[in-house]
C-alpha atoms as a PDB file:
ATOM      1  CA  GLN A   1      30.746  -3.661  33.197  1.00  0.00           C
ATOM      2  CA  VAL A   2      29.544  -5.697  36.166  1.00  0.00           C
ATOM      3  CA  GLN A   3      25.881  -5.582  37.035  1.00  0.00           C
ATOM      4  CA  LEU A   4      24.188  -6.869  40.195  1.00  0.00           C
ATOM      5  CA  VAL A   5      20.516  -7.849  40.258  1.00  0.00           C
ATOM      6  CA  GLU A   6      18.751  -8.625  43.510  1.00  0.00           C
ATOM      7  CA  SER A   7      15.610 -10.730  43.781  1.00  0.00           C
ATOM      8  CA  GLY A   8      13.557 -12.579  46.365  1.00  0.00           C
ATOM      9  CA  GLY A   9      12.048  -9.707  48.299  1.00  0.00           C
ATOM     10  CA  GLY A  10       8.381  -9.536  49.228  1.00  0.00           C
ATOM     11  CA  LEU A  11       5.860  -9.361  52.023  1.00  0.00           C
ATOM     12  CA  VAL A  12       6.243 -11.753  54.939  1.00  0.00           C
ATOM     13  CA  GLN A  13       4.761 -12.006  58.415  1.00  0.00           C
ATOM     14  CA  PRO A  14       6.870 -11.584  61.512  1.00  0.00           C
ATOM     15  CA  GLY A  15       8.683 -14.813  62.273  1.00  0.00           C
ATOM     16  CA  GLY A  16       8.739 -15.792  58.627  1.00  0.00           C
ATOM     17  CA  SER A  17      11.624 -16.355  56.237  1.00  0.00           C
ATOM     18  CA  LEU A  18      12.845 -15.078  52.905  1.00  0.00           C
ATOM     19  CA  ARG A  19      15.837 -15.857  50.745  1.00  0.00           C
ATOM     20  CA  LEU A  20      17.355 -13.049  48.745  1.00  0.00           C
ATOM     21  CA  SER A  21      19.582 -13.611  45.733  1.00  0.00           C
ATOM     22  CA  CYS A  22      22.079 -11.328  44.072  1.00  0.00           C
ATOM     23  CA  ALA A  23      23.139 -12.379  40.596  1.00  0.00           C
ATOM     24  CA  GLY A  24      26.257 -10.871  39.086  1.00  0.00           C
ATOM     25  CA  SER A  25      26.875 -10.469  35.374  1.00  0.00           C
ATOM     26  CA  GLY A  26      29.783  -9.314  33.351  1.00  0.00           C
ATOM     27  CA  SER A  27      33.388  -9.620  34.391  1.00  0.00           C
ATOM     28  CA  MET A  28      32.766 -10.043  38.089  1.00  0.00           C
ATOM     29  CA  SER A  29      35.837 -11.395  39.760  1.00  0.00           C
ATOM     30  CA  ARG A  30      35.439 -14.347  42.093  1.00  0.00           C
ATOM     31  CA  THR A  31      37.910 -12.679  44.423  1.00  0.00           C
ATOM     32  CA  ASN A  32      35.642  -9.835  45.418  1.00  0.00           C
ATOM     33  CA  VAL A  33      34.137  -9.366  48.837  1.00  0.00           C
ATOM     34  CA  LEU A  34      30.379  -9.016  48.549  1.00  0.00           C
ATOM     35  CA  GLY A  35      28.040  -7.349  50.955  1.00  0.00           C
ATOM     36  CA  TRP A  36      24.353  -7.075  51.706  1.00  0.00           C
ATOM     37  CA  TYR A  37      23.107  -3.694  52.902  1.00  0.00           C
ATOM     38  CA  ARG A  38      19.654  -2.393  53.723  1.00  0.00           C
ATOM     39  CA  GLN A  39      17.938   0.938  53.936  1.00  0.00           C
ATOM     40  CA  ALA A  40      14.766   1.365  55.922  1.00  0.00           C
ATOM     41  CA  PRO A  41      12.426   4.290  55.303  1.00  0.00           C
ATOM     42  CA  GLY A  42      13.865   7.478  56.735  1.00  0.00           C
ATOM     43  CA  LYS A  43      17.096   5.822  57.759  1.00  0.00           C
ATOM     44  CA  GLU A  44      20.607   5.564  56.409  1.00  0.00           C
ATOM     45  CA  ARG A  45      21.838   2.538  54.519  1.00  0.00           C
ATOM     46  CA  GLU A  46      23.463   0.021  56.849  1.00  0.00           C
ATOM     47  CA  LEU A  47      25.617  -3.046  56.472  1.00  0.00           C
ATOM     48  CA  VAL A  48      23.853  -6.361  57.032  1.00  0.00           C
ATOM     49  CA  ALA A  49      26.468  -8.972  56.110  1.00  0.00           C
ATOM     50  CA  THR A  50      29.615  -9.560  54.109  1.00  0.00           C
ATOM     51  CA  ILE A  51      31.234 -12.645  52.643  1.00  0.00           C
ATOM     52  CA  THR A  52      34.767 -13.091  51.314  1.00  0.00           C
ATOM     53  CA  PRO A  53      35.764 -15.258  48.354  1.00  0.00           C
ATOM     54  CA  VAL A  54      36.785 -18.046  50.748  1.00  0.00           C
ATOM     55  CA  GLY A  55      33.542 -17.861  52.659  1.00  0.00           C
ATOM     56  CA  SER A  56      34.446 -15.814  55.739  1.00  0.00           C
ATOM     57  CA  LYS A  57      31.318 -14.037  56.980  1.00  0.00           C
ATOM     58  CA  ASN A  58      30.477 -11.047  59.119  1.00  0.00           C
ATOM     59  CA  TYR A  59      27.069  -9.909  60.317  1.00  0.00           C
ATOM     60  CA  ALA A  60      25.534  -6.881  61.895  1.00  0.00           C
ATOM     61  CA  ASP A  61      24.600  -7.469  65.524  1.00  0.00           C
ATOM     62  CA  SER A  62      20.929  -6.925  64.685  1.00  0.00           C
ATOM     63  CA  VAL A  63      20.805  -9.938  62.354  1.00  0.00           C
ATOM     64  CA  GLN A  64      23.362 -12.262  63.947  1.00  0.00           C
ATOM     65  CA  GLY A  65      21.865 -15.695  64.414  1.00  0.00           C
ATOM     66  CA  ARG A  66      18.908 -14.993  62.148  1.00  0.00           C
ATOM     67  CA  PHE A  67      20.494 -14.231  58.759  1.00  0.00           C
ATOM     68  CA  THR A  68      22.960 -16.339  56.794  1.00  0.00           C
ATOM     69  CA  VAL A  69      24.997 -15.099  53.835  1.00  0.00           C
ATOM     70  CA  SER A  70      26.405 -17.510  51.284  1.00  0.00           C
ATOM     71  CA  ARG A  71      27.844 -17.398  47.767  1.00  0.00           C
ATOM     72  CA  ASP A  72      28.171 -19.563  44.717  1.00  0.00           C
ATOM     73  CA  ASN A  73      31.277 -18.395  42.908  1.00  0.00           C
ATOM     74  CA  ALA A  74      30.581 -20.532  39.859  1.00  0.00           C
ATOM     75  CA  ASP A  75      27.197 -18.901  39.351  1.00  0.00           C
ATOM     76  CA  LYS A  76      28.335 -15.456  40.511  1.00  0.00           C
ATOM     77  CA  THR A  77      25.452 -15.411  42.954  1.00  0.00           C
ATOM     78  CA  VAL A  78      25.244 -14.335  46.586  1.00  0.00           C
ATOM     79  CA  TYR A  79      22.395 -15.304  48.867  1.00  0.00           C
ATOM     80  CA  LEU A  80      20.931 -13.956  52.071  1.00  0.00           C
ATOM     81  CA  GLN A  81      18.773 -16.373  54.011  1.00  0.00           C
ATOM     82  CA  MET A  82      16.668 -14.418  56.463  1.00  0.00           C
ATOM     83  CA  ASN A  83      14.860 -16.278  59.236  1.00  0.00           C
ATOM     84  CA  ASN A  84      12.735 -15.143  62.153  1.00  0.00           C
ATOM     85  CA  LEU A  85      12.095 -11.843  60.438  1.00  0.00           C
ATOM     86  CA  LYS A  86      11.042  -8.861  62.503  1.00  0.00           C
ATOM     87  CA  THR A  87       9.127  -5.729  61.545  1.00  0.00           C
ATOM     88  CA  GLU A  88      12.331  -3.767  61.979  1.00  0.00           C
ATOM     89  CA  ASP A  89      13.892  -5.786  59.144  1.00  0.00           C
ATOM     90  CA  THR A  90      11.609  -3.983  56.711  1.00  0.00           C
ATOM     91  CA  ALA A  91      13.882  -2.242  54.198  1.00  0.00           C
ATOM     92  CA  VAL A  92      15.203  -2.233  50.671  1.00  0.00           C
ATOM     93  CA  TYR A  93      18.041  -4.724  50.554  1.00  0.00           C
ATOM     94  CA  TYR A  94      21.029  -4.059  48.305  1.00  0.00           C
ATOM     95  CA  CYS A  95      23.891  -6.168  47.079  1.00  0.00           C
ATOM     96  CA  HIS A  96      27.270  -4.462  46.922  1.00  0.00           C
ATOM     97  CA  LEU A  97      30.493  -5.404  45.175  1.00  0.00           C
ATOM     98  CA  ILE A  98      32.715  -3.668  47.692  1.00  0.00           C
ATOM     99  CA  ALA A  99      36.080  -3.233  45.960  1.00  0.00           C
ATOM    100  CA  SER A 100      34.449  -1.954  42.772  1.00  0.00           C
ATOM    101  CA  ASN A 101      31.783   0.020  44.641  1.00  0.00           C
ATOM    102  CA  ILE A 102      29.018  -1.394  42.429  1.00  0.00           C
ATOM    103  CA  TRP A 103      25.480  -1.557  43.760  1.00  0.00           C
ATOM    104  CA  GLY A 104      22.377  -3.401  42.656  1.00  0.00           C
ATOM    105  CA  LYS A 105      19.035  -1.615  42.477  1.00  0.00           C
ATOM    106  CA  GLY A 106      17.676  -3.357  45.530  1.00  0.00           C
ATOM    107  CA  THR A 107      14.754  -5.564  46.480  1.00  0.00           C
ATOM    108  CA  LEU A 108      12.070  -4.576  48.973  1.00  0.00           C
ATOM    109  CA  VAL A 109      11.439  -6.710  52.053  1.00  0.00           C
ATOM    110  CA  THR A 110       8.345  -5.895  54.073  1.00  0.00           C
ATOM    111  CA  VAL A 111       7.713  -7.651  57.357  1.00  0.00           C
ATOM    112  CA  SER A 112       4.197  -7.028  58.543  1.00  0.00           C
ATOM    113  CA  SER A 113       1.208  -8.851  59.966  1.00  0.00           C
END
């Protein structure tokens, strides 16, 4: 059974940066597309970014140019580098193994002065 564990969340001021990690365990295939999603208080979960096994990336318009997704297939880890954070980026961020529909438990990012 694959498990995903997110880490790296925390409190940061507007304009700051954070790097989230999502570590996979178990029989996680290196061929899976992985995604980062987020859910802000009172809002629906939304897609932030995806990355394919060969490194093709897609981003939501709201984070384009500020966030960068990457993966290390050998370590079964996916990263989300978040720069120039805004208060509206405050949310719980989730890692998602798309084909298997497996979610991590999330990590909270709070952007506030």
